[in-house]
Amino acid sequence: MTSWNNPTLQSARQAPKALGIPYVIESSARGERVFDIFSRLLKERIVMLNGEVDDSVSAIIVAQLLFLEAENPEKPISFYINSPGGSVTAGMMQYIQSPVATVCMGQACSMGSLLLTAGEPGHRSILPNARVMIHQPRQAIIVYTTFGGASGQASDIAIHAKEILDIRERLNQIYVHHTHQSLDVIVNRMERDHFMSAEQALTFGLVDKVLEKRPFISITNTAESSTPNNSKKTEPSSTPQPEPARKP
């Protein structure tokens, strides 16, 4: 058994004060192991997105999703989202086979809302006080000015303008697919920043449920999930009951 005076464990206990990231110490017959809290959650197939979506954040999340898929492609993954949005290309990363249950906590804006609604159908959730915002994609385009200032090729401006319109059309189709709203409704809502409460996001079709409390049992593909919800509970009896036959 590893000693509690082990320098590694002492460093782990001091690290949260310096870095702000909690550590978890687990004991077993083989000794003690130290995990940062996010690595420990990853063992439970929980992935966190906190902050803006860029290429670096996208690479970390994709790596975690691919790792979990390699471990078990059929077992669900829980993806918790609190993001103001970010890069369009970094956010369009729906690829793995594992079902991904998405949960919005805080906010899911712009690309964050797309990640939220692209989760496993029936398992897209939002907390009661969270907010969702959708809008059309944006891109900085260099333009000519009569009196100087910004400069660039006119043909490049036309190319970038066409690209952003193509991206907008692609995003519109993704929202249509996942929300089952008409294209006209999606285009109208995304013309400007459109904020929604949890209930409005549910009505719009971005999510499937509003979570008042975290479910006690995670989404699994085990036999327990096939047990009918309307099964009646029986009071304990003083009369011995025969043990049910076990299935082979």
C-alpha atoms as a PDB file:
ATOM      1  CA  MET A   1       0.000   0.000   0.000  1.00  0.00           C
ATOM      2  CA  THR A   2       1.375   3.397  -0.948  1.00  0.00           C
ATOM      3  CA  SER A   3       2.176   5.663   1.965  1.00  0.00           C
ATOM      4  CA  TRP A   4       0.112   8.808   2.503  1.00  0.00           C
ATOM      5  CA  ASN A   5       3.461  10.614   2.806  1.00  0.00           C
ATOM      6  CA  ASN A   6       4.265   9.754  -0.793  1.00  0.00           C
ATOM      7  CA  PRO A   7       5.509  12.960  -2.542  1.00  0.00           C
ATOM      8  CA  THR A   8       3.259  12.320  -5.550  1.00  0.00           C
ATOM      9  CA  LEU A   9       0.151  12.173  -3.375  1.00  0.00           C
ATOM     10  CA  GLN A  10       1.232  15.253  -1.430  1.00  0.00           C
ATOM     11  CA  SER A  11       1.736  17.106  -4.709  1.00  0.00           C
ATOM     12  CA  ALA A  12      -1.699  15.991  -5.885  1.00  0.00           C
ATOM     13  CA  ARG A  13      -3.302  17.393  -2.741  1.00  0.00           C
ATOM     14  CA  GLN A  14      -1.516  20.706  -3.178  1.00  0.00           C
ATOM     15  CA  ALA A  15      -2.137  20.947  -6.933  1.00  0.00           C
ATOM     16  CA  PRO A  16      -5.790  22.077  -6.734  1.00  0.00           C
ATOM     17  CA  LYS A  17      -4.723  25.200  -4.857  1.00  0.00           C
ATOM     18  CA  ALA A  18      -2.164  26.035  -7.542  1.00  0.00           C
ATOM     19  CA  LEU A  19      -3.985  24.942 -10.703  1.00  0.00           C
ATOM     20  CA  GLY A  20      -7.632  24.998  -9.698  1.00  0.00           C
ATOM     21  CA  ILE A  21      -8.134  21.410 -10.931  1.00  0.00           C
ATOM     22  CA  PRO A  22      -9.253  18.925  -8.247  1.00  0.00           C
ATOM     23  CA  TYR A  23      -7.564  15.552  -7.989  1.00  0.00           C
ATOM     24  CA  VAL A  24      -9.046  12.228  -6.921  1.00  0.00           C
ATOM     25  CA  ILE A  25      -7.078   9.613  -4.979  1.00  0.00           C
ATOM     26  CA  GLU A  26      -8.307   6.037  -5.300  1.00  0.00           C
ATOM     27  CA  SER A  27      -7.124   3.147  -3.153  1.00  0.00           C
ATOM     28  CA  SER A  28      -6.994  -0.472  -4.247  1.00  0.00           C
ATOM     29  CA  ALA A  29      -5.166  -3.672  -3.384  1.00  0.00           C
ATOM     30  CA  ARG A  30      -2.340  -2.561  -5.667  1.00  0.00           C
ATOM     31  CA  GLY A  31      -1.925   0.814  -3.988  1.00  0.00           C
ATOM     32  CA  GLU A  32      -3.182   4.335  -4.598  1.00  0.00           C
ATOM     33  CA  ARG A  33      -3.673   6.109  -7.891  1.00  0.00           C
ATOM     34  CA  VAL A  34      -4.102   9.813  -8.537  1.00  0.00           C
ATOM     35  CA  PHE A  35      -6.446  11.174 -11.225  1.00  0.00           C
ATOM     36  CA  ASP A  36      -7.350  14.716 -12.122  1.00  0.00           C
ATOM     37  CA  ILE A  37     -11.122  15.028 -11.897  1.00  0.00           C
ATOM     38  CA  PHE A  38     -11.637  15.143 -15.677  1.00  0.00           C
ATOM     39  CA  SER A  39      -9.632  11.947 -16.230  1.00  0.00           C
ATOM     40  CA  ARG A  40     -11.674  10.271 -13.503  1.00  0.00           C
ATOM     41  CA  LEU A  41     -14.897  11.351 -15.201  1.00  0.00           C
ATOM     42  CA  LEU A  42     -13.534  10.041 -18.497  1.00  0.00           C
ATOM     43  CA  LYS A  43     -13.323   6.595 -16.890  1.00  0.00           C
ATOM     44  CA  GLU A  44     -17.087   6.890 -16.365  1.00  0.00           C
ATOM     45  CA  ARG A  45     -17.495   7.856 -20.061  1.00  0.00           C
ATOM     46  CA  ILE A  46     -18.224  11.496 -19.230  1.00  0.00           C
ATOM     47  CA  VAL A  47     -16.787  14.216 -21.499  1.00  0.00           C
ATOM     48  CA  MET A  48     -16.920  17.914 -20.600  1.00  0.00           C
ATOM     49  CA  LEU A  49     -16.984  20.952 -22.897  1.00  0.00           C
ATOM     50  CA  ASN A  50     -16.501  24.203 -20.983  1.00  0.00           C
ATOM     51  CA  GLY A  51     -15.726  27.314 -22.990  1.00  0.00           C
ATOM     52  CA  GLU A  52     -15.270  28.275 -26.607  1.00  0.00           C
ATOM     53  CA  VAL A  53     -14.985  25.645 -29.321  1.00  0.00           C
ATOM     54  CA  ASP A  54     -11.704  26.015 -31.214  1.00  0.00           C
ATOM     55  CA  ASP A  55      -9.305  23.624 -32.919  1.00  0.00           C
ATOM     56  CA  SER A  56      -7.404  22.834 -29.695  1.00  0.00           C
ATOM     57  CA  VAL A  57     -10.546  22.123 -27.675  1.00  0.00           C
ATOM     58  CA  SER A  58     -11.989  20.153 -30.576  1.00  0.00           C
ATOM     59  CA  ALA A  59      -8.865  17.980 -30.789  1.00  0.00           C
ATOM     60  CA  ILE A  60      -9.060  17.116 -27.078  1.00  0.00           C
ATOM     61  CA  ILE A  61     -12.766  16.261 -27.215  1.00  0.00           C
ATOM     62  CA  VAL A  62     -12.437  14.225 -30.412  1.00  0.00           C
ATOM     63  CA  ALA A  63      -9.533  12.280 -28.899  1.00  0.00           C
ATOM     64  CA  GLN A  64     -11.627  11.446 -25.825  1.00  0.00           C
ATOM     65  CA  LEU A  65     -14.600  10.362 -27.932  1.00  0.00           C
ATOM     66  CA  LEU A  66     -12.437   8.170 -30.162  1.00  0.00           C
ATOM     67  CA  PHE A  67     -10.803   6.586 -27.114  1.00  0.00           C
ATOM     68  CA  LEU A  68     -14.163   5.772 -25.522  1.00  0.00           C
ATOM     69  CA  GLU A  69     -15.469   4.398 -28.813  1.00  0.00           C
ATOM     70  CA  ALA A  70     -12.424   2.131 -29.104  1.00  0.00           C
ATOM     71  CA  GLU A  71     -13.075   0.799 -25.588  1.00  0.00           C
ATOM     72  CA  ASN A  72     -16.724   0.000 -26.276  1.00  0.00           C
ATOM     73  CA  PRO A  73     -18.451   1.282 -29.437  1.00  0.00           C
ATOM     74  CA  GLU A  74     -21.924   0.372 -28.149  1.00  0.00           C
ATOM     75  CA  LYS A  75     -21.740   1.865 -24.655  1.00  0.00           C
ATOM     76  CA  PRO A  76     -23.185   5.406 -24.340  1.00  0.00           C
ATOM     77  CA  ILE A  77     -21.107   8.514 -23.693  1.00  0.00           C
ATOM     78  CA  SER A  78     -22.357  11.491 -21.659  1.00  0.00           C
ATOM     79  CA  PHE A  79     -21.345  14.860 -23.148  1.00  0.00           C
ATOM     80  CA  TYR A  80     -21.851  17.893 -20.866  1.00  0.00           C
ATOM     81  CA  ILE A  81     -21.874  21.242 -22.685  1.00  0.00           C
ATOM     82  CA  ASN A  82     -21.383  24.782 -21.357  1.00  0.00           C
ATOM     83  CA  SER A  83     -20.165  26.770 -24.343  1.00  0.00           C
ATOM     84  CA  PRO A  84     -20.674  30.192 -25.957  1.00  0.00           C
ATOM     85  CA  GLY A  85     -19.891  28.650 -29.352  1.00  0.00           C
ATOM     86  CA  GLY A  86     -16.835  28.997 -31.533  1.00  0.00           C
ATOM     87  CA  SER A  87     -15.378  27.742 -34.785  1.00  0.00           C
ATOM     88  CA  VAL A  88     -17.789  26.139 -37.244  1.00  0.00           C
ATOM     89  CA  THR A  89     -15.225  23.732 -38.691  1.00  0.00           C
ATOM     90  CA  ALA A  90     -14.007  22.701 -35.235  1.00  0.00           C
ATOM     91  CA  GLY A  91     -17.542  22.008 -34.072  1.00  0.00           C
ATOM     92  CA  MET A  92     -18.718  19.803 -36.940  1.00  0.00           C
ATOM     93  CA  MET A  93     -17.313  16.523 -35.626  1.00  0.00           C
ATOM     94  CA  GLN A  94     -20.146  13.991 -35.497  1.00  0.00           C
ATOM     95  CA  TYR A  95     -18.359  10.801 -36.459  1.00  0.00           C
ATOM     96  CA  ILE A  96     -18.189   8.035 -33.828  1.00  0.00           C
ATOM     97  CA  GLN A  97     -20.502   5.030 -33.533  1.00  0.00           C
ATOM     98  CA  SER A  98     -21.104   5.264 -29.777  1.00  0.00           C
ATOM     99  CA  PRO A  99     -24.396   6.926 -28.795  1.00  0.00           C
ATOM    100  CA  VAL A 100     -23.663  10.333 -27.241  1.00  0.00           C
ATOM    101  CA  ALA A 101     -26.142  11.724 -24.703  1.00  0.00           C
ATOM    102  CA  THR A 102     -25.789  15.522 -24.602  1.00  0.00           C
ATOM    103  CA  VAL A 103     -26.573  17.729 -21.603  1.00  0.00           C
ATOM    104  CA  CYS A 104     -26.625  21.549 -21.667  1.00  0.00           C
ATOM    105  CA  MET A 105     -25.638  23.200 -18.402  1.00  0.00           C
ATOM    106  CA  GLY A 106     -25.251  26.972 -18.344  1.00  0.00           C
ATOM    107  CA  GLN A 107     -25.409  27.764 -22.033  1.00  0.00           C
ATOM    108  CA  ALA A 108     -25.152  26.210 -25.464  1.00  0.00           C
ATOM    109  CA  CYS A 109     -24.809  29.031 -27.962  1.00  0.00           C
ATOM    110  CA  SER A 110     -23.967  29.071 -31.648  1.00  0.00           C
ATOM    111  CA  MET A 111     -21.877  25.949 -32.366  1.00  0.00           C
ATOM    112  CA  GLY A 112     -22.568  24.768 -28.810  1.00  0.00           C
ATOM    113  CA  SER A 113     -26.266  24.504 -29.680  1.00  0.00           C
ATOM    114  CA  LEU A 114     -25.439  22.407 -32.742  1.00  0.00           C
ATOM    115  CA  LEU A 115     -23.418  19.964 -30.629  1.00  0.00           C
ATOM    116  CA  LEU A 116     -26.304  19.807 -28.160  1.00  0.00           C
ATOM    117  CA  THR A 117     -29.028  19.041 -30.680  1.00  0.00           C
ATOM    118  CA  ALA A 118     -26.843  16.566 -32.621  1.00  0.00           C
ATOM    119  CA  GLY A 119     -26.780  14.177 -29.654  1.00  0.00           C
ATOM    120  CA  GLU A 120     -28.438  10.767 -29.539  1.00  0.00           C
ATOM    121  CA  PRO A 121     -32.192  11.186 -30.257  1.00  0.00           C
ATOM    122  CA  GLY A 122     -34.178  10.860 -27.045  1.00  0.00           C
ATOM    123  CA  HIS A 123     -31.121  11.614 -24.901  1.00  0.00           C
ATOM    124  CA  ARG A 124     -30.597  15.352 -25.489  1.00  0.00           C
ATOM    125  CA  SER A 125     -31.162  17.183 -22.221  1.00  0.00           C
ATOM    126  CA  ILE A 126     -30.981  20.681 -20.764  1.00  0.00           C
ATOM    127  CA  LEU A 127     -31.002  22.003 -17.212  1.00  0.00           C
ATOM    128  CA  PRO A 128     -33.956  24.234 -16.243  1.00  0.00           C
ATOM    129  CA  ASN A 129     -32.005  27.521 -16.065  1.00  0.00           C
ATOM    130  CA  ALA A 130     -29.703  26.920 -19.029  1.00  0.00           C
ATOM    131  CA  ARG A 131     -29.930  29.012 -22.193  1.00  0.00           C
ATOM    132  CA  VAL A 132     -29.592  28.148 -25.863  1.00  0.00           C
ATOM    133  CA  MET A 133     -28.823  30.499 -28.738  1.00  0.00           C
ATOM    134  CA  ILE A 134     -28.825  29.827 -32.474  1.00  0.00           C
ATOM    135  CA  HIS A 135     -27.759  32.145 -35.294  1.00  0.00           C
ATOM    136  CA  GLN A 136     -26.275  32.077 -38.763  1.00  0.00           C
ATOM    137  CA  PRO A 137     -22.493  31.616 -39.096  1.00  0.00           C
ATOM    138  CA  ARG A 138     -20.241  34.631 -39.162  1.00  0.00           C
ATOM    139  CA  GLN A 139     -16.922  35.257 -40.865  1.00  0.00           C
ATOM    140  CA  ALA A 140     -14.652  38.269 -41.101  1.00  0.00           C
ATOM    141  CA  ILE A 141     -14.230  39.339 -44.722  1.00  0.00           C
ATOM    142  CA  ILE A 142     -11.653  41.868 -45.913  1.00  0.00           C
ATOM    143  CA  VAL A 143     -13.287  44.631 -47.963  1.00  0.00           C
ATOM    144  CA  TYR A 144     -12.029  47.473 -50.095  1.00  0.00           C
ATOM    145  CA  THR A 145     -12.509  51.049 -48.945  1.00  0.00           C
ATOM    146  CA  THR A 146     -12.395  54.134 -51.140  1.00  0.00           C
ATOM    147  CA  PHE A 147      -9.987  55.911 -48.812  1.00  0.00           C
ATOM    148  CA  GLY A 148      -7.637  52.990 -48.188  1.00  0.00           C
ATOM    149  CA  GLY A 149      -7.674  50.899 -45.025  1.00  0.00           C
ATOM    150  CA  ALA A 150      -8.321  47.180 -45.469  1.00  0.00           C
ATOM    151  CA  SER A 151      -7.175  45.620 -48.702  1.00  0.00           C
ATOM    152  CA  GLY A 152      -7.581  42.308 -50.522  1.00  0.00           C
ATOM    153  CA  GLN A 153      -8.460  40.629 -53.799  1.00  0.00           C
ATOM    154  CA  ALA A 154     -12.006  41.231 -54.984  1.00  0.00           C
ATOM    155  CA  SER A 155     -12.208  37.634 -56.178  1.00  0.00           C
ATOM    156  CA  ASP A 156     -11.168  36.411 -52.708  1.00  0.00           C
ATOM    157  CA  ILE A 157     -14.001  38.387 -51.152  1.00  0.00           C
ATOM    158  CA  ALA A 158     -16.471  36.718 -53.525  1.00  0.00           C
ATOM    159  CA  ILE A 159     -15.021  33.273 -52.744  1.00  0.00           C
ATOM    160  CA  HIS A 160     -15.294  33.783 -48.989  1.00  0.00           C
ATOM    161  CA  ALA A 161     -18.816  35.163 -49.329  1.00  0.00           C
ATOM    162  CA  LYS A 162     -19.882  32.064 -51.264  1.00  0.00           C
ATOM    163  CA  GLU A 163     -18.211  29.807 -48.687  1.00  0.00           C
ATOM    164  CA  ILE A 164     -20.029  31.366 -45.734  1.00  0.00           C
ATOM    165  CA  LEU A 165     -23.342  31.047 -47.606  1.00  0.00           C
ATOM    166  CA  ASP A 166     -22.628  27.371 -48.289  1.00  0.00           C
ATOM    167  CA  ILE A 167     -21.804  26.815 -44.608  1.00  0.00           C
ATOM    168  CA  ARG A 168     -25.019  28.566 -43.582  1.00  0.00           C
ATOM    169  CA  GLU A 169     -27.042  26.293 -45.865  1.00  0.00           C
ATOM    170  CA  ARG A 170     -25.311  23.213 -44.464  1.00  0.00           C
ATOM    171  CA  LEU A 171     -25.971  24.286 -40.869  1.00  0.00           C
ATOM    172  CA  ASN A 172     -29.602  25.018 -41.703  1.00  0.00           C
ATOM    173  CA  GLN A 173     -30.034  21.481 -43.030  1.00  0.00           C
ATOM    174  CA  ILE A 174     -28.437  19.996 -39.891  1.00  0.00           C
ATOM    175  CA  TYR A 175     -30.843  21.914 -37.650  1.00  0.00           C
ATOM    176  CA  VAL A 176     -33.777  20.857 -39.854  1.00  0.00           C
ATOM    177  CA  HIS A 177     -32.724  17.213 -39.526  1.00  0.00           C
ATOM    178  CA  HIS A 178     -32.361  17.239 -35.738  1.00  0.00           C
ATOM    179  CA  THR A 179     -35.254  19.554 -34.782  1.00  0.00           C
ATOM    180  CA  HIS A 180     -37.761  18.450 -37.474  1.00  0.00           C
ATOM    181  CA  GLN A 181     -38.598  22.110 -38.067  1.00  0.00           C
ATOM    182  CA  SER A 182     -39.176  23.369 -41.591  1.00  0.00           C
ATOM    183  CA  LEU A 183     -36.334  25.067 -43.450  1.00  0.00           C
ATOM    184  CA  ASP A 184     -38.256  28.358 -43.479  1.00  0.00           C
ATOM    185  CA  VAL A 185     -38.577  28.292 -39.685  1.00  0.00           C
ATOM    186  CA  ILE A 186     -34.872  27.545 -39.212  1.00  0.00           C
ATOM    187  CA  VAL A 187     -33.803  30.300 -41.618  1.00  0.00           C
ATOM    188  CA  ASN A 188     -36.099  32.794 -39.892  1.00  0.00           C
ATOM    189  CA  ARG A 189     -34.889  31.950 -36.376  1.00  0.00           C
ATOM    190  CA  MET A 190     -31.218  31.994 -37.364  1.00  0.00           C
ATOM    191  CA  GLU A 191     -31.358  35.313 -39.197  1.00  0.00           C
ATOM    192  CA  ARG A 192     -30.258  37.023 -35.961  1.00  0.00           C
ATOM    193  CA  ASP A 193     -29.203  35.841 -32.503  1.00  0.00           C
ATOM    194  CA  HIS A 194     -32.173  33.848 -31.208  1.00  0.00           C
ATOM    195  CA  PHE A 195     -32.087  32.986 -27.501  1.00  0.00           C
ATOM    196  CA  MET A 196     -34.262  30.292 -25.948  1.00  0.00           C
ATOM    197  CA  SER A 197     -35.028  29.116 -22.449  1.00  0.00           C
ATOM    198  CA  ALA A 198     -34.924  25.443 -21.566  1.00  0.00           C
ATOM    199  CA  GLU A 199     -38.651  25.029 -22.201  1.00  0.00           C
ATOM    200  CA  GLN A 200     -38.451  26.939 -25.483  1.00  0.00           C
ATOM    201  CA  ALA A 201     -35.534  24.778 -26.629  1.00  0.00           C
ATOM    202  CA  LEU A 202     -37.618  21.705 -25.779  1.00  0.00           C
ATOM    203  CA  THR A 203     -40.609  22.996 -27.745  1.00  0.00           C
ATOM    204  CA  PHE A 204     -38.388  23.945 -30.687  1.00  0.00           C
ATOM    205  CA  GLY A 205     -36.943  20.429 -30.828  1.00  0.00           C
ATOM    206  CA  LEU A 206     -33.337  21.203 -29.927  1.00  0.00           C
ATOM    207  CA  VAL A 207     -33.564  18.910 -26.879  1.00  0.00           C
ATOM    208  CA  ASP A 208     -35.751  16.018 -25.751  1.00  0.00           C
ATOM    209  CA  LYS A 209     -36.106  16.714 -22.032  1.00  0.00           C
ATOM    210  CA  VAL A 210     -35.555  19.268 -19.280  1.00  0.00           C
ATOM    211  CA  LEU A 211     -33.677  17.717 -16.365  1.00  0.00           C
ATOM    212  CA  GLU A 212     -34.779  18.840 -12.921  1.00  0.00           C
ATOM    213  CA  LYS A 213     -32.288  16.482 -11.297  1.00  0.00           C
ATOM    214  CA  ARG A 214     -29.497  14.291 -12.576  1.00  0.00           C
ATOM    215  CA  PRO A 215     -30.803  10.756 -13.253  1.00  0.00           C
ATOM    216  CA  PHE A 216     -29.761   8.296 -10.565  1.00  0.00           C
ATOM    217  CA  ILE A 217     -28.947   5.654 -13.178  1.00  0.00           C
ATOM    218  CA  SER A 218     -26.983   6.632 -16.274  1.00  0.00           C
ATOM    219  CA  ILE A 219     -28.135   5.678 -19.753  1.00  0.00           C
ATOM    220  CA  THR A 220     -26.920   2.128 -20.384  1.00  0.00           C
ATOM    221  CA  ASN A 221     -27.636  -0.766 -22.688  1.00  0.00           C
ATOM    222  CA  THR A 222     -27.880  -3.218 -19.814  1.00  0.00           C
ATOM    223  CA  ALA A 223     -30.723  -5.562 -18.977  1.00  0.00           C
ATOM    224  CA  GLU A 224     -31.964  -3.112 -16.361  1.00  0.00           C
ATOM    225  CA  SER A 225     -32.965  -0.666 -19.084  1.00  0.00           C
ATOM    226  CA  SER A 226     -35.411  -3.221 -20.482  1.00  0.00           C
ATOM    227  CA  THR A 227     -37.235  -3.630 -17.169  1.00  0.00           C
ATOM    228  CA  PRO A 228     -40.763  -2.138 -17.409  1.00  0.00           C
ATOM    229  CA  ASN A 229     -41.189   1.115 -15.485  1.00  0.00           C
ATOM    230  CA  ASN A 230     -44.659   0.124 -14.298  1.00  0.00           C
ATOM    231  CA  SER A 231     -43.449  -2.851 -12.267  1.00  0.00           C
ATOM    232  CA  LYS A 232     -45.066  -2.824  -8.840  1.00  0.00           C
ATOM    233  CA  LYS A 233     -43.057  -2.860  -5.651  1.00  0.00           C
ATOM    234  CA  THR A 234     -44.054  -5.552  -3.146  1.00  0.00           C
ATOM    235  CA  GLU A 235     -43.912  -5.165   0.592  1.00  0.00           C
ATOM    236  CA  PRO A 236     -41.600  -7.561   2.430  1.00  0.00           C
ATOM    237  CA  SER A 237     -43.397 -10.620   3.770  1.00  0.00           C
ATOM    238  CA  SER A 238     -42.593 -12.788   6.749  1.00  0.00           C
ATOM    239  CA  THR A 239     -43.439 -15.877   4.682  1.00  0.00           C
ATOM    240  CA  PRO A 240     -40.384 -17.206   2.859  1.00  0.00           C
ATOM    241  CA  GLN A 241     -40.731 -16.805  -0.881  1.00  0.00           C
ATOM    242  CA  PRO A 242     -39.210 -19.252  -3.377  1.00  0.00           C
ATOM    243  CA  GLU A 243     -36.112 -17.939  -5.097  1.00  0.00           C
ATOM    244  CA  PRO A 244     -36.824 -17.178  -8.779  1.00  0.00           C
ATOM    245  CA  ALA A 245     -35.102 -19.393 -11.286  1.00  0.00           C
ATOM    246  CA  ARG A 246     -32.005 -17.809 -12.734  1.00  0.00           C
ATOM    247  CA  LYS A 247     -31.611 -17.452 -16.423  1.00  0.00           C
ATOM    248  CA  PRO A 248     -28.659 -19.305 -17.889  1.00  0.00           C
END
